Amino acid sequence: MNQAVSDGTGRSEEPAEQSLRAFERDLPLLFQQRPGEWVAYRGEQPIAFAAAKHQLYQQCLDRGLGRDQFVIFCIEAQETEITLGPVVLD
């Protein structure tokens, strides 16, 4: 069952959003230690790692977690788009 949690500012945050924030926070270290692997988060905690996404899903389901209780991410460099100055299109 998904339940929103407080983010400390008084507003609610969905568990998937909480997991995304935690993954983004942890990504630099994860990328150094486990590049190319997959990681499952439950809330703010990484709970499992695997070489293949389907293996990670199976690990989580085997632990008795429902599909709405974890989020899976690939540990890879994130692309960031930055625009400096005006963009000119011809």
PDB file of N, CA and C in Angstrom:
ATOM      1  N   MET A   1       0.843  -1.186   0.000  1.00  0.00           N
ATOM      2  CA  MET A   1       0.000   0.000   0.000  1.00  0.00           C
ATOM      3  C   MET A   1       0.883   1.242   0.000  1.00  0.00           C
ATOM      4  N   ASN A   2       0.689   2.118  -0.950  1.00  0.00           N
ATOM      5  CA  ASN A   2       1.447   3.364  -1.041  1.00  0.00           C
ATOM      6  C   ASN A   2       0.879   4.391  -0.097  1.00  0.00           C
ATOM      7  N   GLN A   3       1.751   5.011   0.665  1.00  0.00           N
ATOM      8  CA  GLN A   3       1.322   6.080   1.547  1.00  0.00           C
ATOM      9  C   GLN A   3       2.289   7.235   1.406  1.00  0.00           C
ATOM     10  N   ALA A   4       1.756   8.438   1.313  1.00  0.00           N
ATOM     11  CA  ALA A   4       2.598   9.615   1.232  1.00  0.00           C
ATOM     12  C   ALA A   4       3.252   9.845   2.585  1.00  0.00           C
ATOM     13  N   VAL A   5       4.473  10.338   2.566  1.00  0.00           N
ATOM     14  CA  VAL A   5       5.196  10.650   3.795  1.00  0.00           C
ATOM     15  C   VAL A   5       5.577  12.120   3.773  1.00  0.00           C
ATOM     16  N   SER A   6       5.767  12.677   4.960  1.00  0.00           N
ATOM     17  CA  SER A   6       6.160  14.080   5.049  1.00  0.00           C
ATOM     18  C   SER A   6       7.626  14.213   4.677  1.00  0.00           C
ATOM     19  N   ASP A   7       7.957  15.261   3.933  1.00  0.00           N
ATOM     20  CA  ASP A   7       9.346  15.488   3.548  1.00  0.00           C
ATOM     21  C   ASP A   7      10.045  16.469   4.484  1.00  0.00           C
ATOM     22  N   GLY A   8       9.410  16.794   5.593  1.00  0.00           N
ATOM     23  CA  GLY A   8      10.009  17.705   6.551  1.00  0.00           C
ATOM     24  C   GLY A   8       9.618  19.151   6.337  1.00  0.00           C
ATOM     25  N   THR A   9       8.964  19.448   5.229  1.00  0.00           N
ATOM     26  CA  THR A   9       8.533  20.819   4.954  1.00  0.00           C
ATOM     27  C   THR A   9       7.027  20.956   5.114  1.00  0.00           C
ATOM     28  N   GLY A  10       6.380  19.892   5.550  1.00  0.00           N
ATOM     29  CA  GLY A  10       4.940  19.938   5.735  1.00  0.00           C
ATOM     30  C   GLY A  10       4.163  19.418   4.545  1.00  0.00           C
ATOM     31  N   ARG A  11       4.820  19.201   3.414  1.00  0.00           N
ATOM     32  CA  ARG A  11       4.105  18.664   2.259  1.00  0.00           C
ATOM     33  C   ARG A  11       4.347  17.162   2.173  1.00  0.00           C
ATOM     34  N   SER A  12       3.444  16.469   1.518  1.00  0.00           N
ATOM     35  CA  SER A  12       3.559  15.018   1.407  1.00  0.00           C
ATOM     36  C   SER A  12       4.384  14.640   0.193  1.00  0.00           C
ATOM     37  N   GLU A  13       5.064  13.527   0.313  1.00  0.00           N
ATOM     38  CA  GLU A  13       5.889  13.024  -0.778  1.00  0.00           C
ATOM     39  C   GLU A  13       5.564  11.548  -0.974  1.00  0.00           C
ATOM     40  N   GLU A  14       5.308  11.159  -2.184  1.00  0.00           N
ATOM     41  CA  GLU A  14       5.015   9.766  -2.499  1.00  0.00           C
ATOM     42  C   GLU A  14       6.290   8.930  -2.333  1.00  0.00           C
ATOM     43  N   PRO A  15       6.147   7.646  -1.985  1.00  0.00           N
ATOM     44  CA  PRO A  15       7.328   6.791  -1.821  1.00  0.00           C
ATOM     45  C   PRO A  15       8.228   6.750  -3.055  1.00  0.00           C
ATOM     46  N   ALA A  16       7.660   6.760  -4.252  1.00  0.00           N
ATOM     47  CA  ALA A  16       8.481   6.739  -5.470  1.00  0.00           C
ATOM     48  C   ALA A  16       9.316   8.015  -5.581  1.00  0.00           C
ATOM     49  N   GLU A  17       8.745   9.152  -5.198  1.00  0.00           N
ATOM     50  CA  GLU A  17       9.494  10.410  -5.223  1.00  0.00           C
ATOM     51  C   GLU A  17      10.616  10.375  -4.193  1.00  0.00           C
ATOM     52  N   GLN A  18      10.323   9.808  -3.035  1.00  0.00           N
ATOM     53  CA  GLN A  18      11.325   9.670  -1.986  1.00  0.00           C
ATOM     54  C   GLN A  18      12.479   8.791  -2.476  1.00  0.00           C
ATOM     55  N   SER A  19      12.161   7.704  -3.152  1.00  0.00           N
ATOM     56  CA  SER A  19      13.183   6.805  -3.688  1.00  0.00           C
ATOM     57  C   SER A  19      14.017   7.504  -4.754  1.00  0.00           C
ATOM     58  N   LEU A  20      13.374   8.278  -5.614  1.00  0.00           N
ATOM     59  CA  LEU A  20      14.101   8.999  -6.655  1.00  0.00           C
ATOM     60  C   LEU A  20      15.083   9.984  -6.042  1.00  0.00           C
ATOM     61  N   ARG A  21      14.647  10.736  -5.048  1.00  0.00           N
ATOM     62  CA  ARG A  21      15.544  11.691  -4.377  1.00  0.00           C
ATOM     63  C   ARG A  21      16.729  10.968  -3.752  1.00  0.00           C
ATOM     64  N   ALA A  22      16.470   9.836  -3.111  1.00  0.00           N
ATOM     65  CA  ALA A  22      17.538   9.067  -2.476  1.00  0.00           C
ATOM     66  C   ALA A  22      18.510   8.523  -3.523  1.00  0.00           C
ATOM     67  N   PHE A  23      17.978   8.016  -4.635  1.00  0.00           N
ATOM     68  CA  PHE A  23      18.839   7.511  -5.703  1.00  0.00           C
ATOM     69  C   PHE A  23      19.717   8.622  -6.258  1.00  0.00           C
ATOM     70  N   GLU A  24      19.141   9.779  -6.519  1.00  0.00           N
ATOM     71  CA  GLU A  24      19.925  10.904  -7.038  1.00  0.00           C
ATOM     72  C   GLU A  24      21.003  11.321  -6.042  1.00  0.00           C
ATOM     73  N   ARG A  25      20.683  11.284  -4.760  1.00  0.00           N
ATOM     74  CA  ARG A  25      21.652  11.608  -3.711  1.00  0.00           C
ATOM     75  C   ARG A  25      22.797  10.595  -3.698  1.00  0.00           C
ATOM     76  N   ASP A  26      22.471   9.306  -3.851  1.00  0.00           N
ATOM     77  CA  ASP A  26      23.456   8.228  -3.745  1.00  0.00           C
ATOM     78  C   ASP A  26      24.194   7.939  -5.038  1.00  0.00           C
ATOM     79  N   LEU A  27      23.714   8.452  -6.162  1.00  0.00           N
ATOM     80  CA  LEU A  27      24.248   8.068  -7.469  1.00  0.00           C
ATOM     81  C   LEU A  27      25.759   8.238  -7.612  1.00  0.00           C
ATOM     82  N   PRO A  28      26.367   9.331  -7.174  1.00  0.00           N
ATOM     83  CA  PRO A  28      27.825   9.436  -7.365  1.00  0.00           C
ATOM     84  C   PRO A  28      28.597   8.254  -6.758  1.00  0.00           C
ATOM     85  N   LEU A  29      28.243   7.849  -5.555  1.00  0.00           N
ATOM     86  CA  LEU A  29      28.917   6.728  -4.915  1.00  0.00           C
ATOM     87  C   LEU A  29      28.542   5.402  -5.583  1.00  0.00           C
ATOM     88  N   LEU A  30      27.272   5.222  -5.897  1.00  0.00           N
ATOM     89  CA  LEU A  30      26.838   3.996  -6.578  1.00  0.00           C
ATOM     90  C   LEU A  30      27.558   3.838  -7.920  1.00  0.00           C
ATOM     91  N   PHE A  31      27.713   4.949  -8.643  1.00  0.00           N
ATOM     92  CA  PHE A  31      28.354   4.891  -9.959  1.00  0.00           C
ATOM     93  C   PHE A  31      29.829   4.510  -9.824  1.00  0.00           C
ATOM     94  N   GLN A  32      30.470   4.934  -8.749  1.00  0.00           N
ATOM     95  CA  GLN A  32      31.867   4.547  -8.517  1.00  0.00           C
ATOM     96  C   GLN A  32      31.968   3.064  -8.175  1.00  0.00           C
ATOM     97  N   GLN A  33      31.025   2.561  -7.390  1.00  0.00           N
ATOM     98  CA  GLN A  33      31.120   1.202  -6.870  1.00  0.00           C
ATOM     99  C   GLN A  33      30.457   0.137  -7.745  1.00  0.00           C
ATOM    100  N   ARG A  34      29.369   0.501  -8.449  1.00  0.00           N
ATOM    101  CA  ARG A  34      28.580  -0.502  -9.168  1.00  0.00           C
ATOM    102  C   ARG A  34      28.055   0.012 -10.515  1.00  0.00           C
ATOM    103  N   PRO A  35      28.902   0.589 -11.353  1.00  0.00           N
ATOM    104  CA  PRO A  35      28.408   1.136 -12.622  1.00  0.00           C
ATOM    105  C   PRO A  35      27.780   0.045 -13.501  1.00  0.00           C
ATOM    106  N   GLY A  36      26.657   0.389 -14.112  1.00  0.00           N
ATOM    107  CA  GLY A  36      25.990  -0.532 -15.025  1.00  0.00           C
ATOM    108  C   GLY A  36      25.058  -1.530 -14.359  1.00  0.00           C
ATOM    109  N   GLU A  37      25.074  -1.606 -13.033  1.00  0.00           N
ATOM    110  CA  GLU A  37      24.168  -2.514 -12.335  1.00  0.00           C
ATOM    111  C   GLU A  37      22.818  -1.834 -12.123  1.00  0.00           C
ATOM    112  N   TRP A  38      21.899  -2.585 -11.556  1.00  0.00           N
ATOM    113  CA  TRP A  38      20.568  -2.094 -11.219  1.00  0.00           C
ATOM    114  C   TRP A  38      20.428  -2.094  -9.712  1.00  0.00           C
ATOM    115  N   VAL A  39      19.679  -1.126  -9.191  1.00  0.00           N
ATOM    116  CA  VAL A  39      19.464  -1.012  -7.748  1.00  0.00           C
ATOM    117  C   VAL A  39      17.975  -0.817  -7.481  1.00  0.00           C
ATOM    118  N   ALA A  40      17.503  -1.466  -6.423  1.00  0.00           N
ATOM    119  CA  ALA A  40      16.110  -1.294  -5.981  1.00  0.00           C
ATOM    120  C   ALA A  40      16.122  -0.468  -4.703  1.00  0.00           C
ATOM    121  N   TYR A  41      15.230   0.498  -4.638  1.00  0.00           N
ATOM    122  CA  TYR A  41      15.057   1.327  -3.443  1.00  0.00           C
ATOM    123  C   TYR A  41      13.677   1.099  -2.873  1.00  0.00           C
ATOM    124  N   ARG A  42      13.639   1.123  -1.560  1.00  0.00           N
ATOM    125  CA  ARG A  42      12.368   1.145  -0.833  1.00  0.00           C
ATOM    126  C   ARG A  42      12.457   2.359   0.075  1.00  0.00           C
ATOM    127  N   GLY A  43      11.713   3.383  -0.278  1.00  0.00           N
ATOM    128  CA  GLY A  43      11.854   4.650   0.428  1.00  0.00           C
ATOM    129  C   GLY A  43      13.230   5.217   0.153  1.00  0.00           C
ATOM    130  N   GLU A  44      13.945   5.575   1.202  1.00  0.00           N
ATOM    131  CA  GLU A  44      15.264   6.189   1.035  1.00  0.00           C
ATOM    132  C   GLU A  44      16.412   5.184   1.066  1.00  0.00           C
ATOM    133  N   GLN A  45      16.099   3.889   1.154  1.00  0.00           N
ATOM    134  CA  GLN A  45      17.156   2.891   1.314  1.00  0.00           C
ATOM    135  C   GLN A  45      17.290   1.982   0.097  1.00  0.00           C
ATOM    136  N   PRO A  46      18.534   1.771  -0.364  1.00  0.00           N
ATOM    137  CA  PRO A  46      18.737   0.735  -1.379  1.00  0.00           C
ATOM    138  C   PRO A  46      18.575  -0.623  -0.709  1.00  0.00           C
ATOM    139  N   ILE A  47      17.821  -1.514  -1.339  1.00  0.00           N
ATOM    140  CA  ILE A  47      17.530  -2.804  -0.706  1.00  0.00           C
ATOM    141  C   ILE A  47      18.113  -3.997  -1.458  1.00  0.00           C
ATOM    142  N   ALA A  48      18.483  -3.812  -2.731  1.00  0.00           N
ATOM    143  CA  ALA A  48      19.037  -4.934  -3.493  1.00  0.00           C
ATOM    144  C   ALA A  48      19.723  -4.415  -4.750  1.00  0.00           C
ATOM    145  N   PHE A  49      20.681  -5.213  -5.240  1.00  0.00           N
ATOM    146  CA  PHE A  49      21.407  -4.914  -6.468  1.00  0.00           C
ATOM    147  C   PHE A  49      21.412  -6.155  -7.343  1.00  0.00           C
ATOM    148  N   ALA A  50      21.481  -5.963  -8.668  1.00  0.00           N
ATOM    149  CA  ALA A  50      21.590  -7.089  -9.600  1.00  0.00           C
ATOM    150  C   ALA A  50      22.187  -6.595 -10.908  1.00  0.00           C
ATOM    151  N   ALA A  51      22.703  -7.537 -11.676  1.00  0.00           N
ATOM    152  CA  ALA A  51      23.282  -7.207 -12.976  1.00  0.00           C
ATOM    153  C   ALA A  51      22.204  -6.966 -14.033  1.00  0.00           C
ATOM    154  N   ALA A  52      21.036  -7.557 -13.849  1.00  0.00           N
ATOM    155  CA  ALA A  52      19.948  -7.429 -14.821  1.00  0.00           C
ATOM    156  C   ALA A  52      18.675  -6.970 -14.113  1.00  0.00           C
ATOM    157  N   LYS A  53      17.911  -6.142 -14.787  1.00  0.00           N
ATOM    158  CA  LYS A  53      16.688  -5.575 -14.213  1.00  0.00           C
ATOM    159  C   LYS A  53      15.702  -6.664 -13.804  1.00  0.00           C
ATOM    160  N   HIS A  54      15.488  -7.656 -14.658  1.00  0.00           N
ATOM    161  CA  HIS A  54      14.511  -8.701 -14.343  1.00  0.00           C
ATOM    162  C   HIS A  54      14.925  -9.510 -13.116  1.00  0.00           C
ATOM    163  N   GLN A  55      16.243  -9.688 -12.910  1.00  0.00           N
ATOM    164  CA  GLN A  55      16.717 -10.397 -11.725  1.00  0.00           C
ATOM    165  C   GLN A  55      16.383  -9.609 -10.456  1.00  0.00           C
ATOM    166  N   LEU A  56      16.497  -8.293 -10.551  1.00  0.00           N
ATOM    167  CA  LEU A  56      16.225  -7.441  -9.399  1.00  0.00           C
ATOM    168  C   LEU A  56      14.738  -7.452  -9.051  1.00  0.00           C
ATOM    169  N   TYR A  57      13.888  -7.383 -10.081  1.00  0.00           N
ATOM    170  CA  TYR A  57      12.448  -7.506  -9.826  1.00  0.00           C
ATOM    171  C   TYR A  57      12.157  -8.816  -9.093  1.00  0.00           C
ATOM    172  N   GLN A  58      12.749  -9.901  -9.560  1.00  0.00           N
ATOM    173  CA  GLN A  58      12.488 -11.197  -8.956  1.00  0.00           C
ATOM    174  C   GLN A  58      12.964 -11.242  -7.513  1.00  0.00           C
ATOM    175  N   GLN A  59      14.142 -10.663  -7.234  1.00  0.00           N
ATOM    176  CA  GLN A  59      14.654 -10.616  -5.853  1.00  0.00           C
ATOM    177  C   GLN A  59      13.661  -9.905  -4.932  1.00  0.00           C
ATOM    178  N   CYS A  60      13.161  -8.767  -5.384  1.00  0.00           N
ATOM    179  CA  CYS A  60      12.227  -7.988  -4.564  1.00  0.00           C
ATOM    180  C   CYS A  60      10.920  -8.726  -4.351  1.00  0.00           C
ATOM    181  N   LEU A  61      10.392  -9.327  -5.408  1.00  0.00           N
ATOM    182  CA  LEU A  61       9.139 -10.077  -5.297  1.00  0.00           C
ATOM    183  C   LEU A  61       9.328 -11.309  -4.408  1.00  0.00           C
ATOM    184  N   ASP A  62      10.499 -11.954  -4.503  1.00  0.00           N
ATOM    185  CA  ASP A  62      10.789 -13.117  -3.655  1.00  0.00           C
ATOM    186  C   ASP A  62      10.859 -12.731  -2.177  1.00  0.00           C
ATOM    187  N   ARG A  63      11.185 -11.485  -1.891  1.00  0.00           N
ATOM    188  CA  ARG A  63      11.221 -10.999  -0.502  1.00  0.00           C
ATOM    189  C   ARG A  63       9.815 -10.681   0.021  1.00  0.00           C
ATOM    190  N   GLY A  64       8.826 -10.829  -0.852  1.00  0.00           N
ATOM    191  CA  GLY A  64       7.454 -10.572  -0.435  1.00  0.00           C
ATOM    192  C   GLY A  64       7.013  -9.129  -0.620  1.00  0.00           C
ATOM    193  N   LEU A  65       7.817  -8.341  -1.307  1.00  0.00           N
ATOM    194  CA  LEU A  65       7.446  -6.946  -1.552  1.00  0.00           C
ATOM    195  C   LEU A  65       6.455  -6.864  -2.700  1.00  0.00           C
ATOM    196  N   GLY A  66       5.472  -6.006  -2.560  1.00  0.00           N
ATOM    197  CA  GLY A  66       4.540  -5.735  -3.646  1.00  0.00           C
ATOM    198  C   GLY A  66       5.200  -4.804  -4.648  1.00  0.00           C
ATOM    199  N   ARG A  67       4.723  -4.817  -5.872  1.00  0.00           N
ATOM    200  CA  ARG A  67       5.308  -3.993  -6.937  1.00  0.00           C
ATOM    201  C   ARG A  67       5.297  -2.507  -6.591  1.00  0.00           C
ATOM    202  N   ASP A  68       4.370  -2.076  -5.754  1.00  0.00           N
ATOM    203  CA  ASP A  68       4.293  -0.661  -5.390  1.00  0.00           C
ATOM    204  C   ASP A  68       5.147  -0.325  -4.164  1.00  0.00           C
ATOM    205  N   GLN A  69       5.958  -1.280  -3.694  1.00  0.00           N
ATOM    206  CA  GLN A  69       6.765  -1.056  -2.502  1.00  0.00           C
ATOM    207  C   GLN A  69       8.244  -0.823  -2.800  1.00  0.00           C
ATOM    208  N   PHE A  70       8.630  -0.843  -4.065  1.00  0.00           N
ATOM    209  CA  PHE A  70      10.027  -0.609  -4.418  1.00  0.00           C
ATOM    210  C   PHE A  70      10.100   0.047  -5.799  1.00  0.00           C
ATOM    211  N   VAL A  71      11.245   0.683  -6.049  1.00  0.00           N
ATOM    212  CA  VAL A  71      11.496   1.340  -7.332  1.00  0.00           C
ATOM    213  C   VAL A  71      12.879   0.899  -7.805  1.00  0.00           C
ATOM    214  N   ILE A  72      13.010   0.639  -9.100  1.00  0.00           N
ATOM    215  CA  ILE A  72      14.275   0.152  -9.650  1.00  0.00           C
ATOM    216  C   ILE A  72      14.883   1.215 -10.567  1.00  0.00           C
ATOM    217  N   PHE A  73      16.207   1.385 -10.407  1.00  0.00           N
ATOM    218  CA  PHE A  73      16.949   2.352 -11.217  1.00  0.00           C
ATOM    219  C   PHE A  73      18.207   1.686 -11.779  1.00  0.00           C
ATOM    220  N   CYS A  74      18.653   2.153 -12.939  1.00  0.00           N
ATOM    221  CA  CYS A  74      19.920   1.717 -13.508  1.00  0.00           C
ATOM    222  C   CYS A  74      21.011   2.675 -13.026  1.00  0.00           C
ATOM    223  N   ILE A  75      22.125   2.118 -12.609  1.00  0.00           N
ATOM    224  CA  ILE A  75      23.236   2.931 -12.111  1.00  0.00           C
ATOM    225  C   ILE A  75      24.093   3.317 -13.306  1.00  0.00           C
ATOM    226  N   GLU A  76      23.833   4.496 -13.820  1.00  0.00           N
ATOM    227  CA  GLU A  76      24.568   5.025 -14.965  1.00  0.00           C
ATOM    228  C   GLU A  76      24.627   6.536 -14.844  1.00  0.00           C
ATOM    229  N   ALA A  77      25.552   7.127 -15.563  1.00  0.00           N
ATOM    230  CA  ALA A  77      25.681   8.584 -15.529  1.00  0.00           C
ATOM    231  C   ALA A  77      24.382   9.210 -16.012  1.00  0.00           C
ATOM    232  N   GLN A  78      23.956  10.238 -15.304  1.00  0.00           N
ATOM    233  CA  GLN A  78      22.733  10.943 -15.668  1.00  0.00           C
ATOM    234  C   GLN A  78      23.074  12.094 -16.596  1.00  0.00           C
ATOM    235  N   GLU A  79      22.304  12.228 -17.650  1.00  0.00           N
ATOM    236  CA  GLU A  79      22.515  13.342 -18.567  1.00  0.00           C
ATOM    237  C   GLU A  79      21.863  14.587 -18.004  1.00  0.00           C
ATOM    238  N   THR A  80      22.602  15.654 -18.053  1.00  0.00           N
ATOM    239  CA  THR A  80      22.091  16.937 -17.607  1.00  0.00           C
ATOM    240  C   THR A  80      22.193  17.905 -18.766  1.00  0.00           C
ATOM    241  N   GLU A  81      21.090  18.521 -19.107  1.00  0.00           N
ATOM    242  CA  GLU A  81      21.070  19.471 -20.213  1.00  0.00           C
ATOM    243  C   GLU A  81      21.199  20.884 -19.644  1.00  0.00           C
ATOM    244  N   ILE A  82      22.226  21.587 -20.105  1.00  0.00           N
ATOM    245  CA  ILE A  82      22.457  22.954 -19.653  1.00  0.00           C
ATOM    246  C   ILE A  82      22.558  23.841 -20.874  1.00  0.00           C
ATOM    247  N   THR A  83      21.848  24.961 -20.831  1.00  0.00           N
ATOM    248  CA  THR A  83      21.910  25.934 -21.904  1.00  0.00           C
ATOM    249  C   THR A  83      22.567  27.193 -21.361  1.00  0.00           C
ATOM    250  N   LEU A  84      23.642  27.598 -21.985  1.00  0.00           N
ATOM    251  CA  LEU A  84      24.336  28.823 -21.607  1.00  0.00           C
ATOM    252  C   LEU A  84      24.115  29.864 -22.690  1.00  0.00           C
ATOM    253  N   GLY A  85      23.467  30.938 -22.351  1.00  0.00           N
ATOM    254  CA  GLY A  85      23.197  31.977 -23.327  1.00  0.00           C
ATOM    255  C   GLY A  85      21.973  31.666 -24.154  1.00  0.00           C
ATOM    256  N   PRO A  86      21.649  32.559 -25.072  1.00  0.00           N
ATOM    257  CA  PRO A  86      20.454  32.369 -25.898  1.00  0.00           C
ATOM    258  C   PRO A  86      20.643  31.247 -26.926  1.00  0.00           C
ATOM    259  N   VAL A  87      19.552  30.599 -27.227  1.00  0.00           N
ATOM    260  CA  VAL A  87      19.552  29.566 -28.254  1.00  0.00           C
ATOM    261  C   VAL A  87      19.038  30.189 -29.534  1.00  0.00           C
ATOM    262  N   VAL A  88      19.796  30.054 -30.627  1.00  0.00           N
ATOM    263  CA  VAL A  88      19.407  30.640 -31.906  1.00  0.00           C
ATOM    264  C   VAL A  88      19.090  29.507 -32.887  1.00  0.00           C
ATOM    265  N   LEU A  89      17.889  29.519 -33.409  1.00  0.00           N
ATOM    266  CA  LEU A  89      17.470  28.522 -34.393  1.00  0.00           C
ATOM    267  C   LEU A  89      17.295  29.198 -35.736  1.00  0.00           C
ATOM    268  N   ASP A  90      17.866  28.655 -36.769  1.00  0.00           N
ATOM    269  CA  ASP A  90      17.718  29.211 -38.123  1.00  0.00           C
ATOM    270  C   ASP A  90      16.611  28.534 -38.864  1.00  0.00           C
TER     271      ASP A  90
END
